[in-house]
Amino acid sequence: MNKRKNRISNVRVLTASAMLTALSIVIGIFCKNFLNFGFGLFRITFENFPIILSGIMFGPYVGALVGIASDVISFVLSTQTFAISPIVTLGAGLVGFVSGAVFRNKAVMTEKKRVLLSVFSAHLVGSVLVKSFGLFVYYGFLVVWRIPLYAAIATLEAIIICVMMKNKNFHHFLNLKGDKNDLQ
């Protein structure tokens, strides 16, 4: 019976991860093709939201794989004129990895605090530091404006994830065992 439960769990993780990857790709392509400002280097996008969610839901390694797959596939399918940057792809993977690793850390007691810390840490490491460095190295553009932009995006994403975590059906899907009043 335990083998069967593990197999069903793996199918659930694979299916949900594929759906989150597809969601990130669609958001990424839409933003890369239609919401570009400043030759494609300035865009307001929530393509990291599904990547962060995958890290929170399934852990750092699944989050990293969703981030890398999302970045590579959305680049291939978009009409972007720049060459792919492995550093930017690494940053997308780190968004998922950091969000999952920080959320799994039980030192911060409440889920709300773990969500806030994981979202802001993921954006700081993956989006602001690594992706900005990749954009600078490969394209020569200094992108300091990403700091306030991703602070605002991270705030909105953290609020949305906290609201989602309050839903008992979402909580059941995650199989989280904790106090349901943690997010209040």
C-alpha atoms as a PDB file:
ATOM      1  CA  MET A   1       0.000   0.000   0.000  1.00  0.00           C
ATOM      2  CA  ASN A   2       2.846   2.400   0.803  1.00  0.00           C
ATOM      3  CA  LYS A   3       4.349   1.899  -2.684  1.00  0.00           C
ATOM      4  CA  ARG A   4       1.051   2.768  -4.312  1.00  0.00           C
ATOM      5  CA  LYS A   5       0.636   5.910  -2.205  1.00  0.00           C
ATOM      6  CA  ASN A   6       4.181   6.987  -3.115  1.00  0.00           C
ATOM      7  CA  ARG A   7       3.482   6.411  -6.824  1.00  0.00           C
ATOM      8  CA  ILE A   8       0.258   8.463  -6.635  1.00  0.00           C
ATOM      9  CA  SER A   9       2.131  11.202  -4.812  1.00  0.00           C
ATOM     10  CA  ASN A  10       4.819  11.264  -7.502  1.00  0.00           C
ATOM     11  CA  VAL A  11       2.180  11.511 -10.246  1.00  0.00           C
ATOM     12  CA  ARG A  12       0.532  14.369  -8.347  1.00  0.00           C
ATOM     13  CA  VAL A  13       3.871  16.198  -8.004  1.00  0.00           C
ATOM     14  CA  LEU A  14       4.753  15.644 -11.666  1.00  0.00           C
ATOM     15  CA  THR A  15       1.343  16.788 -12.896  1.00  0.00           C
ATOM     16  CA  ALA A  16       1.188  19.871 -10.672  1.00  0.00           C
ATOM     17  CA  SER A  17       4.798  20.782 -11.540  1.00  0.00           C
ATOM     18  CA  ALA A  18       4.058  20.510 -15.255  1.00  0.00           C
ATOM     19  CA  MET A  19       1.003  22.727 -14.852  1.00  0.00           C
ATOM     20  CA  LEU A  20       2.995  25.304 -12.868  1.00  0.00           C
ATOM     21  CA  THR A  21       5.735  25.209 -15.514  1.00  0.00           C
ATOM     22  CA  ALA A  22       3.148  25.786 -18.252  1.00  0.00           C
ATOM     23  CA  LEU A  23       1.612  28.655 -16.289  1.00  0.00           C
ATOM     24  CA  SER A  24       5.002  30.303 -15.845  1.00  0.00           C
ATOM     25  CA  ILE A  25       5.744  29.868 -19.563  1.00  0.00           C
ATOM     26  CA  VAL A  26       2.456  31.469 -20.606  1.00  0.00           C
ATOM     27  CA  ILE A  27       2.959  34.405 -18.240  1.00  0.00           C
ATOM     28  CA  GLY A  28       6.594  34.762 -19.366  1.00  0.00           C
ATOM     29  CA  ILE A  29       5.804  34.681 -23.095  1.00  0.00           C
ATOM     30  CA  PHE A  30       2.961  37.134 -22.701  1.00  0.00           C
ATOM     31  CA  CYS A  31       5.151  39.573 -20.787  1.00  0.00           C
ATOM     32  CA  LYS A  32       8.196  39.130 -23.052  1.00  0.00           C
ATOM     33  CA  ASN A  33       6.127  39.689 -26.194  1.00  0.00           C
ATOM     34  CA  PHE A  34       3.526  42.232 -25.140  1.00  0.00           C
ATOM     35  CA  LEU A  35       4.585  43.993 -21.937  1.00  0.00           C
ATOM     36  CA  ASN A  36       8.144  44.954 -22.815  1.00  0.00           C
ATOM     37  CA  PHE A  37       9.481  48.399 -22.126  1.00  0.00           C
ATOM     38  CA  GLY A  38      13.024  49.553 -22.791  1.00  0.00           C
ATOM     39  CA  PHE A  39      14.010  46.987 -25.449  1.00  0.00           C
ATOM     40  CA  GLY A  40      12.781  44.029 -23.432  1.00  0.00           C
ATOM     41  CA  LEU A  41      14.745  44.700 -20.273  1.00  0.00           C
ATOM     42  CA  PHE A  42      11.924  46.280 -18.304  1.00  0.00           C
ATOM     43  CA  ARG A  43       8.762  44.291 -17.803  1.00  0.00           C
ATOM     44  CA  ILE A  44       6.372  43.816 -14.960  1.00  0.00           C
ATOM     45  CA  THR A  45       5.737  40.105 -14.769  1.00  0.00           C
ATOM     46  CA  PHE A  46       4.554  37.441 -12.410  1.00  0.00           C
ATOM     47  CA  GLU A  47       6.285  34.549 -14.176  1.00  0.00           C
ATOM     48  CA  ASN A  48       8.150  33.721 -10.955  1.00  0.00           C
ATOM     49  CA  PHE A  49       4.893  33.188  -9.047  1.00  0.00           C
ATOM     50  CA  PRO A  50       4.349  29.587 -10.275  1.00  0.00           C
ATOM     51  CA  ILE A  51       8.053  28.852  -9.749  1.00  0.00           C
ATOM     52  CA  ILE A  52       7.905  30.069  -6.141  1.00  0.00           C
ATOM     53  CA  LEU A  53       4.694  28.158  -5.594  1.00  0.00           C
ATOM     54  CA  SER A  54       6.303  24.945  -6.880  1.00  0.00           C
ATOM     55  CA  GLY A  55       9.197  25.389  -4.465  1.00  0.00           C
ATOM     56  CA  ILE A  56       6.831  25.943  -1.554  1.00  0.00           C
ATOM     57  CA  MET A  57       4.586  23.050  -2.540  1.00  0.00           C
ATOM     58  CA  PHE A  58       7.132  20.403  -3.518  1.00  0.00           C
ATOM     59  CA  GLY A  59      10.498  21.488  -2.180  1.00  0.00           C
ATOM     60  CA  PRO A  60      13.655  23.141  -3.466  1.00  0.00           C
ATOM     61  CA  TYR A  61      14.654  20.620  -6.142  1.00  0.00           C
ATOM     62  CA  VAL A  62      11.281  20.517  -7.859  1.00  0.00           C
ATOM     63  CA  GLY A  63      11.122  24.316  -7.612  1.00  0.00           C
ATOM     64  CA  ALA A  64      14.544  24.609  -9.266  1.00  0.00           C
ATOM     65  CA  LEU A  65      13.537  22.261 -12.096  1.00  0.00           C
ATOM     66  CA  VAL A  66      10.314  24.180 -12.701  1.00  0.00           C
ATOM     67  CA  GLY A  67      12.286  27.445 -12.799  1.00  0.00           C
ATOM     68  CA  ILE A  68      14.888  26.174 -15.257  1.00  0.00           C
ATOM     69  CA  ALA A  69      12.328  24.483 -17.520  1.00  0.00           C
ATOM     70  CA  SER A  70      10.099  27.569 -17.496  1.00  0.00           C
ATOM     71  CA  ASP A  71      12.936  29.913 -18.415  1.00  0.00           C
ATOM     72  CA  VAL A  72      14.332  27.781 -21.242  1.00  0.00           C
ATOM     73  CA  ILE A  73      10.971  26.916 -22.804  1.00  0.00           C
ATOM     74  CA  SER A  74       9.594  30.465 -22.561  1.00  0.00           C
ATOM     75  CA  PHE A  75      12.779  31.788 -24.176  1.00  0.00           C
ATOM     76  CA  VAL A  76      12.486  29.310 -27.056  1.00  0.00           C
ATOM     77  CA  LEU A  77       8.823  30.141 -27.646  1.00  0.00           C
ATOM     78  CA  SER A  78       9.077  33.927 -27.313  1.00  0.00           C
ATOM     79  CA  THR A  79      10.007  36.409 -30.009  1.00  0.00           C
ATOM     80  CA  GLN A  80      12.815  37.865 -27.898  1.00  0.00           C
ATOM     81  CA  THR A  81      15.835  38.955 -29.910  1.00  0.00           C
ATOM     82  CA  PHE A  82      18.474  38.471 -27.198  1.00  0.00           C
ATOM     83  CA  ALA A  83      20.499  35.267 -26.829  1.00  0.00           C
ATOM     84  CA  ILE A  84      19.696  32.989 -23.900  1.00  0.00           C
ATOM     85  CA  SER A  85      21.750  33.657 -20.793  1.00  0.00           C
ATOM     86  CA  PRO A  86      22.714  30.670 -18.637  1.00  0.00           C
ATOM     87  CA  ILE A  87      23.102  33.016 -15.673  1.00  0.00           C
ATOM     88  CA  VAL A  88      19.515  34.229 -16.041  1.00  0.00           C
ATOM     89  CA  THR A  89      18.370  30.596 -16.326  1.00  0.00           C
ATOM     90  CA  LEU A  90      20.333  29.790 -13.165  1.00  0.00           C
ATOM     91  CA  GLY A  91      18.549  32.716 -11.496  1.00  0.00           C
ATOM     92  CA  ALA A  92      15.174  31.242 -12.458  1.00  0.00           C
ATOM     93  CA  GLY A  93      16.241  27.914 -10.970  1.00  0.00           C
ATOM     94  CA  LEU A  94      17.398  29.649  -7.804  1.00  0.00           C
ATOM     95  CA  VAL A  95      14.012  31.345  -7.440  1.00  0.00           C
ATOM     96  CA  GLY A  96      12.420  27.909  -7.110  1.00  0.00           C
ATOM     97  CA  PHE A  97      15.224  26.407  -5.047  1.00  0.00           C
ATOM     98  CA  VAL A  98      15.449  29.244  -2.524  1.00  0.00           C
ATOM     99  CA  SER A  99      11.680  29.475  -2.089  1.00  0.00           C
ATOM    100  CA  GLY A 100      11.475  25.759  -1.358  1.00  0.00           C
ATOM    101  CA  ALA A 101      14.512  25.641   0.919  1.00  0.00           C
ATOM    102  CA  VAL A 102      13.425  28.634   2.990  1.00  0.00           C
ATOM    103  CA  PHE A 103       9.822  27.446   3.280  1.00  0.00           C
ATOM    104  CA  ARG A 104      10.958  23.993   4.459  1.00  0.00           C
ATOM    105  CA  ASN A 105      12.992  25.598   7.253  1.00  0.00           C
ATOM    106  CA  LYS A 106      10.940  25.052  10.380  1.00  0.00           C
ATOM    107  CA  ALA A 107      12.943  27.550  12.464  1.00  0.00           C
ATOM    108  CA  VAL A 108      10.415  30.227  11.510  1.00  0.00           C
ATOM    109  CA  MET A 109       7.307  28.911  13.239  1.00  0.00           C
ATOM    110  CA  THR A 110       4.251  30.180  11.353  1.00  0.00           C
ATOM    111  CA  GLU A 111       3.453  29.415   7.735  1.00  0.00           C
ATOM    112  CA  LYS A 112       2.786  33.080   7.052  1.00  0.00           C
ATOM    113  CA  LYS A 113       6.303  34.035   8.118  1.00  0.00           C
ATOM    114  CA  ARG A 114       7.778  31.143   6.127  1.00  0.00           C
ATOM    115  CA  VAL A 115       5.832  32.228   3.024  1.00  0.00           C
ATOM    116  CA  LEU A 116       6.930  35.855   3.380  1.00  0.00           C
ATOM    117  CA  LEU A 117      10.550  34.884   3.974  1.00  0.00           C
ATOM    118  CA  SER A 118      10.595  32.371   1.116  1.00  0.00           C
ATOM    119  CA  VAL A 119       9.065  34.748  -1.444  1.00  0.00           C
ATOM    120  CA  PHE A 120      11.297  37.703  -0.557  1.00  0.00           C
ATOM    121  CA  SER A 121      14.432  35.523  -0.319  1.00  0.00           C
ATOM    122  CA  ALA A 122      13.691  33.883  -3.678  1.00  0.00           C
ATOM    123  CA  HIS A 123      13.275  37.241  -5.400  1.00  0.00           C
ATOM    124  CA  LEU A 124      16.322  38.740  -3.719  1.00  0.00           C
ATOM    125  CA  VAL A 125      18.644  35.875  -4.656  1.00  0.00           C
ATOM    126  CA  GLY A 126      17.184  34.747  -7.988  1.00  0.00           C
ATOM    127  CA  SER A 127      15.642  37.853  -9.516  1.00  0.00           C
ATOM    128  CA  VAL A 128      17.535  40.809  -8.078  1.00  0.00           C
ATOM    129  CA  LEU A 129      21.061  39.422  -7.652  1.00  0.00           C
ATOM    130  CA  VAL A 130      21.601  36.535 -10.096  1.00  0.00           C
ATOM    131  CA  LYS A 131      19.297  37.539 -12.968  1.00  0.00           C
ATOM    132  CA  SER A 132      20.430  41.176 -12.782  1.00  0.00           C
ATOM    133  CA  PHE A 133      24.055  40.037 -12.856  1.00  0.00           C
ATOM    134  CA  GLY A 134      23.263  37.828 -15.864  1.00  0.00           C
ATOM    135  CA  LEU A 135      21.609  40.710 -17.683  1.00  0.00           C
ATOM    136  CA  PHE A 136      24.637  42.887 -16.982  1.00  0.00           C
ATOM    137  CA  VAL A 137      27.229  40.267 -18.035  1.00  0.00           C
ATOM    138  CA  TYR A 138      25.487  39.149 -21.213  1.00  0.00           C
ATOM    139  CA  TYR A 139      23.848  42.354 -22.369  1.00  0.00           C
ATOM    140  CA  GLY A 140      25.824  45.111 -20.656  1.00  0.00           C
ATOM    141  CA  PHE A 141      22.766  46.724 -19.115  1.00  0.00           C
ATOM    142  CA  LEU A 142      22.833  47.902 -15.537  1.00  0.00           C
ATOM    143  CA  VAL A 143      19.435  47.094 -14.108  1.00  0.00           C
ATOM    144  CA  VAL A 144      19.312  48.747 -10.685  1.00  0.00           C
ATOM    145  CA  TRP A 145      15.600  49.482 -11.125  1.00  0.00           C
ATOM    146  CA  ARG A 146      14.923  45.744 -10.591  1.00  0.00           C
ATOM    147  CA  ILE A 147      15.284  46.201  -6.812  1.00  0.00           C
ATOM    148  CA  PRO A 148      12.130  48.308  -6.234  1.00  0.00           C
ATOM    149  CA  LEU A 149      10.280  46.487  -9.023  1.00  0.00           C
ATOM    150  CA  TYR A 150      10.824  43.048  -7.485  1.00  0.00           C
ATOM    151  CA  ALA A 151      10.125  44.353  -3.990  1.00  0.00           C
ATOM    152  CA  ALA A 152       6.659  45.323  -5.207  1.00  0.00           C
ATOM    153  CA  ILE A 153       6.178  42.079  -7.155  1.00  0.00           C
ATOM    154  CA  ALA A 154       7.336  39.978  -4.191  1.00  0.00           C
ATOM    155  CA  THR A 155       4.894  41.791  -1.915  1.00  0.00           C
ATOM    156  CA  LEU A 156       1.953  41.032  -4.212  1.00  0.00           C
ATOM    157  CA  GLU A 157       3.015  37.411  -4.690  1.00  0.00           C
ATOM    158  CA  ALA A 158       3.445  36.880  -0.945  1.00  0.00           C
ATOM    159  CA  ILE A 159      -0.028  38.270  -0.278  1.00  0.00           C
ATOM    160  CA  ILE A 160      -1.555  35.993  -2.922  1.00  0.00           C
ATOM    161  CA  ILE A 161       0.223  32.899  -1.579  1.00  0.00           C
ATOM    162  CA  CYS A 162      -0.810  33.717   2.005  1.00  0.00           C
ATOM    163  CA  VAL A 163      -4.433  34.034   0.887  1.00  0.00           C
ATOM    164  CA  MET A 164      -4.153  30.724  -0.995  1.00  0.00           C
ATOM    165  CA  MET A 165      -2.679  29.025   2.097  1.00  0.00           C
ATOM    166  CA  LYS A 166      -5.710  30.053   4.149  1.00  0.00           C
ATOM    167  CA  ASN A 167      -7.932  27.984   1.857  1.00  0.00           C
ATOM    168  CA  LYS A 168      -8.468  24.575   3.456  1.00  0.00           C
ATOM    169  CA  ASN A 169      -8.702  22.812   0.070  1.00  0.00           C
ATOM    170  CA  PHE A 170      -5.353  24.225  -1.002  1.00  0.00           C
ATOM    171  CA  HIS A 171      -3.940  23.257   2.383  1.00  0.00           C
ATOM    172  CA  HIS A 172      -5.274  19.725   1.908  1.00  0.00           C
ATOM    173  CA  PHE A 173      -3.709  19.544  -1.558  1.00  0.00           C
ATOM    174  CA  LEU A 174      -0.342  20.405  -0.059  1.00  0.00           C
ATOM    175  CA  ASN A 175      -0.816  17.821   2.705  1.00  0.00           C
ATOM    176  CA  LEU A 176       0.445  20.349   5.212  1.00  0.00           C
ATOM    177  CA  LYS A 177       0.120  19.396   8.846  1.00  0.00           C
ATOM    178  CA  GLY A 178      -0.049  22.513  10.901  1.00  0.00           C
ATOM    179  CA  ASP A 179      -2.258  24.866  12.748  1.00  0.00           C
ATOM    180  CA  LYS A 180      -4.894  26.251  10.425  1.00  0.00           C
ATOM    181  CA  ASN A 181      -4.712  29.549  12.320  1.00  0.00           C
ATOM    182  CA  ASP A 182      -1.030  30.043  11.427  1.00  0.00           C
ATOM    183  CA  LEU A 183      -1.802  32.501   8.651  1.00  0.00           C
ATOM    184  CA  GLN A 184      -4.042  34.804  10.647  1.00  0.00           C
END
